[in-house]
Protein backbone atom coordinates (compact mmCIF):
# COMPACT_ATOMS: atom_id res chain seq x y z
CA MET A 1 -0.42 -22.14 -2.81
CA ALA A 2 1.66 -18.60 -2.97
CA GLU A 3 -0.41 -15.29 -2.90
CA LEU A 4 0.06 -11.43 -3.14
CA ILE A 5 -1.27 -9.83 -0.64
CA VAL A 6 -1.37 -5.98 -0.28
CA PHE A 7 -1.90 -4.06 2.76
CA GLU A 8 -3.10 0.00 1.63
CA GLY A 9 -4.29 3.22 3.02
CA ILE A 10 -3.48 6.69 3.40
CA ASP A 11 -0.31 7.59 5.60
CA GLY A 12 -0.95 6.62 9.45
CA SER A 13 -3.44 4.43 8.42
CA GLY A 14 -1.42 1.34 10.43
CA LYS A 15 -0.61 -0.45 7.13
CA THR A 16 2.83 -0.79 7.97
CA SER A 17 2.21 -2.29 11.24
CA LEU A 18 -0.46 -4.66 10.39
CA SER A 19 1.21 -5.51 7.34
CA GLN A 20 3.92 -6.95 9.08
CA MET A 21 1.54 -8.38 11.85
CA PHE A 22 0.12 -10.45 8.82
CA HIS A 23 3.58 -11.61 7.40
CA GLY A 24 4.40 -12.42 11.49
CA HIS A 25 0.84 -14.97 11.27
CA LEU A 26 1.71 -16.07 8.33
CA LEU A 27 5.23 -17.43 9.55
CA ALA A 28 3.60 -18.69 12.75
CA ASN A 29 1.45 -20.71 10.78
CA GLY A 30 4.03 -22.58 8.54
CA ILE A 31 3.53 -20.77 5.53
CA ALA A 32 6.27 -19.76 3.58
CA ALA A 33 5.93 -15.71 3.42
CA ALA A 34 8.32 -12.59 2.27
CA TRP A 35 7.32 -8.77 3.49
CA LEU A 36 8.15 -5.84 1.02
CA ARG A 37 7.44 -2.57 1.05
CA GLU A 38 7.04 -0.12 -1.93
CA PRO A 39 8.90 1.99 -2.71
CA SER A 40 11.25 -0.74 -2.45
CA ASP A 41 14.94 -0.62 -1.29
CA SER A 42 16.23 -0.34 -4.04
CA PRO A 43 18.59 3.59 -5.33
CA LEU A 44 15.18 4.03 -6.83
CA GLY A 45 12.75 3.85 -4.34
CA ASP A 46 15.65 5.28 -1.52
CA ARG A 47 15.24 8.27 -4.13
CA ILE A 48 11.81 8.31 -3.90
CA ARG A 49 11.65 8.35 -0.17
CA ARG A 50 14.64 11.38 0.05
CA THR A 51 12.37 13.46 -2.74
CA ALA A 52 9.18 13.08 -0.51
CA ARG A 53 10.99 14.26 2.78
CA GLU A 54 13.11 17.28 0.82
CA ASN A 55 10.69 18.57 -1.95
CA ASP A 56 7.31 20.39 -1.36
CA ALA A 57 6.47 19.72 -5.22
CA ILE A 58 7.81 17.53 -8.10
CA SER A 59 6.82 17.27 -11.52
CA ILE A 60 3.60 15.05 -11.28
CA GLN A 61 4.93 12.96 -14.36
CA ASP A 62 8.46 12.54 -12.85
CA GLU A 63 6.85 11.08 -9.58
CA LEU A 64 5.00 8.95 -11.44
CA ASP A 65 8.21 7.61 -13.98
CA LEU A 66 10.17 7.18 -10.57
CA PHE A 67 7.38 4.93 -9.10
CA LEU A 68 6.77 3.16 -12.13
CA ALA A 69 11.00 2.29 -12.78
CA ASP A 70 10.85 1.06 -9.08
CA ARG A 71 7.80 -1.11 -9.19
CA ARG A 72 9.21 -2.78 -12.09
CA TRP A 73 12.61 -3.26 -10.43
CA ASP A 74 10.76 -4.74 -7.33
CA VAL A 75 8.28 -7.14 -9.51
CA GLU A 76 11.38 -8.18 -11.18
CA ASN A 77 13.56 -8.96 -8.56
CA ASN A 78 11.39 -9.26 -5.76
CA ILE A 79 7.88 -10.12 -6.22
CA LEU A 80 7.92 -12.75 -9.38
CA PRO A 81 10.83 -14.74 -7.93
CA ALA A 82 9.19 -15.38 -4.62
CA LEU A 83 5.87 -16.14 -5.99
CA ARG A 84 7.46 -18.51 -8.42
CA ALA A 85 9.36 -19.99 -5.11
CA GLY A 86 5.95 -20.55 -3.35
CA THR A 87 6.17 -17.97 -0.99
CA THR A 88 3.73 -15.97 -0.30
CA VAL A 89 4.44 -12.35 -0.40
CA VAL A 90 2.60 -9.41 1.78
CA MET A 91 3.11 -5.55 0.37
CA ASP A 92 3.23 -2.38 2.77
CA ARG A 93 1.80 -0.51 -0.51
CA TYR A 94 1.41 -1.33 -4.13
CA TYR A 95 0.19 -0.05 -7.08
CA TYR A 96 -3.02 1.38 -5.88
CA SER A 97 -1.27 3.75 -3.81
CA ASN A 98 0.19 5.18 -7.14
CA ALA A 99 -3.49 5.62 -8.68
CA CYS A 100 -4.78 7.17 -4.92
CA TYR A 101 -1.60 9.59 -4.37
CA GLN A 102 -0.74 10.65 -7.69
CA GLY A 103 -4.43 10.76 -8.97
CA ALA A 104 -5.11 12.89 -5.84
CA ARG A 105 -2.22 15.24 -7.60
CA GLY A 106 -4.43 15.14 -10.95
CA LEU A 107 -4.06 12.24 -12.79
CA ASP A 108 -6.21 9.79 -14.21
CA PRO A 109 -6.43 6.68 -11.02
CA GLU A 110 -7.48 4.18 -13.99
CA ALA A 111 -4.75 5.14 -15.89
CA ILE A 112 -2.13 4.55 -13.92
CA LEU A 113 -3.87 1.23 -12.48
CA SER A 114 -3.29 -0.23 -16.52
CA ALA A 115 -0.34 1.15 -16.79
CA ASN A 116 0.74 -1.09 -13.92
CA ARG A 117 -1.11 -4.01 -14.75
CA GLU A 118 0.99 -4.24 -18.07
CA PHE A 119 3.73 -5.60 -16.05
CA ALA A 120 2.86 -6.12 -12.09
CA PRO A 121 0.87 -9.18 -10.58
CA GLU A 122 -2.43 -8.67 -9.79
CA PRO A 123 -2.92 -8.96 -6.17
CA ASP A 124 -4.93 -12.23 -4.67
CA LEU A 125 -6.57 -10.04 -1.95
CA VAL A 126 -5.98 -6.36 -0.65
CA PHE A 127 -6.71 -4.74 2.51
CA ILE A 128 -7.63 -0.99 2.23
CA ILE A 129 -6.89 0.37 5.56
CA ASP A 130 -9.24 3.13 6.51
CA VAL A 131 -8.45 5.88 8.58
CA ASP A 132 -9.88 9.13 9.33
CA VAL A 133 -7.51 12.01 8.02
CA ASP A 134 -7.45 13.73 11.39
CA ARG A 135 -6.66 10.64 13.23
CA ALA A 136 -4.19 9.67 10.89
CA LEU A 137 -2.74 12.79 11.23
CA GLU A 138 -2.40 12.62 14.83
CA ARG A 139 -0.97 9.02 14.74
CA ILE A 140 1.85 10.58 12.36
CA GLY A 141 1.95 13.35 14.67
CA ARG A 142 2.96 10.88 17.76
CA ALA A 143 5.31 8.31 15.42
CA ARG A 144 7.24 10.27 13.62
CA THR A 145 9.53 13.37 14.25
CA GLU A 146 9.87 14.71 10.20
CA VAL A 147 7.08 15.28 8.35
CA VAL A 148 7.16 13.74 4.39
CA ARG A 149 6.06 17.34 3.06
CA LEU A 150 4.56 15.33 -0.37
CA PHE A 151 2.09 13.52 1.42
CA GLU A 152 1.05 14.55 4.95
CA LYS A 153 -1.23 17.74 3.86
CA LYS A 154 -4.70 17.22 5.34
CA ASP A 155 -6.50 18.35 2.03
CA PHE A 156 -4.53 16.47 0.08
CA LEU A 157 -4.67 12.90 2.45
CA ARG A 158 -8.42 13.66 2.14
CA LYS A 159 -8.65 13.47 -1.73
CA VAL A 160 -6.37 10.48 -1.40
CA ARG A 161 -8.82 8.75 0.60
CA ALA A 162 -11.52 9.58 -1.13
CA ASN A 163 -9.62 7.71 -4.35
CA TYR A 164 -9.11 4.54 -2.17
CA LEU A 165 -12.85 4.67 -1.20
CA ALA A 166 -13.76 5.10 -4.74
CA LEU A 167 -12.14 1.48 -6.14
CA ARG A 168 -13.68 -1.42 -7.18
CA GLY A 169 -12.65 -5.16 -7.15
CA ALA A 170 -13.92 -8.24 -6.00
CA ASN A 171 -9.99 -8.84 -4.38
CA LEU A 172 -10.55 -5.58 -2.43
CA ALA A 173 -11.47 -5.56 1.25
CA LEU A 174 -12.15 -2.84 2.98
CA ILE A 175 -11.27 -2.56 6.63
CA ASP A 176 -11.96 -0.01 9.60
CA GLY A 177 -8.66 1.06 10.72
CA ASN A 178 -9.93 3.50 13.28
CA PRO A 179 -9.96 1.25 16.05
CA GLY A 180 -7.04 0.05 17.91
CA LEU A 181 -4.12 -2.38 16.08
CA GLU A 182 -5.23 -5.54 18.03
CA ARG A 183 -8.76 -5.04 16.98
CA VAL A 184 -8.15 -3.68 13.24
CA PHE A 185 -5.97 -6.56 12.90
CA ALA A 186 -8.50 -9.23 14.38
CA ALA A 187 -10.96 -7.75 11.55
CA VAL A 188 -8.20 -8.56 9.11
CA LEU A 189 -7.85 -12.16 9.86
CA ARG A 190 -11.70 -12.58 10.05
CA ARG A 191 -11.68 -11.02 6.41
CA TYR A 192 -9.00 -13.16 5.27
CA GLY A 193 -10.73 -16.15 6.14
CA ARG A 194 -13.54 -15.30 3.63
CA LYS A 195 -11.20 -14.63 0.64
CA GLY A 196 -12.99 -14.44 -2.44
CA SER A 197 -16.32 -13.15 -1.11
CA PRO A 198 -16.96 -9.59 -2.64
CA ARG A 199 -15.69 -6.47 -1.29
CA GLU A 200 -17.96 -5.50 2.12
């Protein structure tokens, strides 16, 4: 049965690499799977990434509206069609990112979750990859030549991380992302094998 599996975490947590590894794992085991990221590859998603690179600050409501519009497009054009076709969808970020990031900018995380749940399907499993902020920034510094100024400030990422740790739900799985990538991925696979268990 097709599932919606989401990888979440602060920038530098390793969630992109882990989501791609998980997607490859599913394919290697004969499971039809698609890998998607948010912001999406739509013009709206491109605008969000460009705004994050080029601006120190934009209106919080404008930022959230952009994310919601991009997600509506992604749900209608990518996520729901894949699930209806029996394809498991692996997401690099989803609406939990909005709750945690825009929540760190002052909006109500629960209100953001509610707004998204009006149109976006609930994931079967959400891996929250938790990493110390200093470690995450160190990884970002090694991996990237440009700084995404809106989202990669230390105090801000601390607030985002706290929001992730405050999330609650039976479909949430907290994973220690501080060890090496292979060890973290092994923990992801172990937790995936116990779907339906309460958050650990």
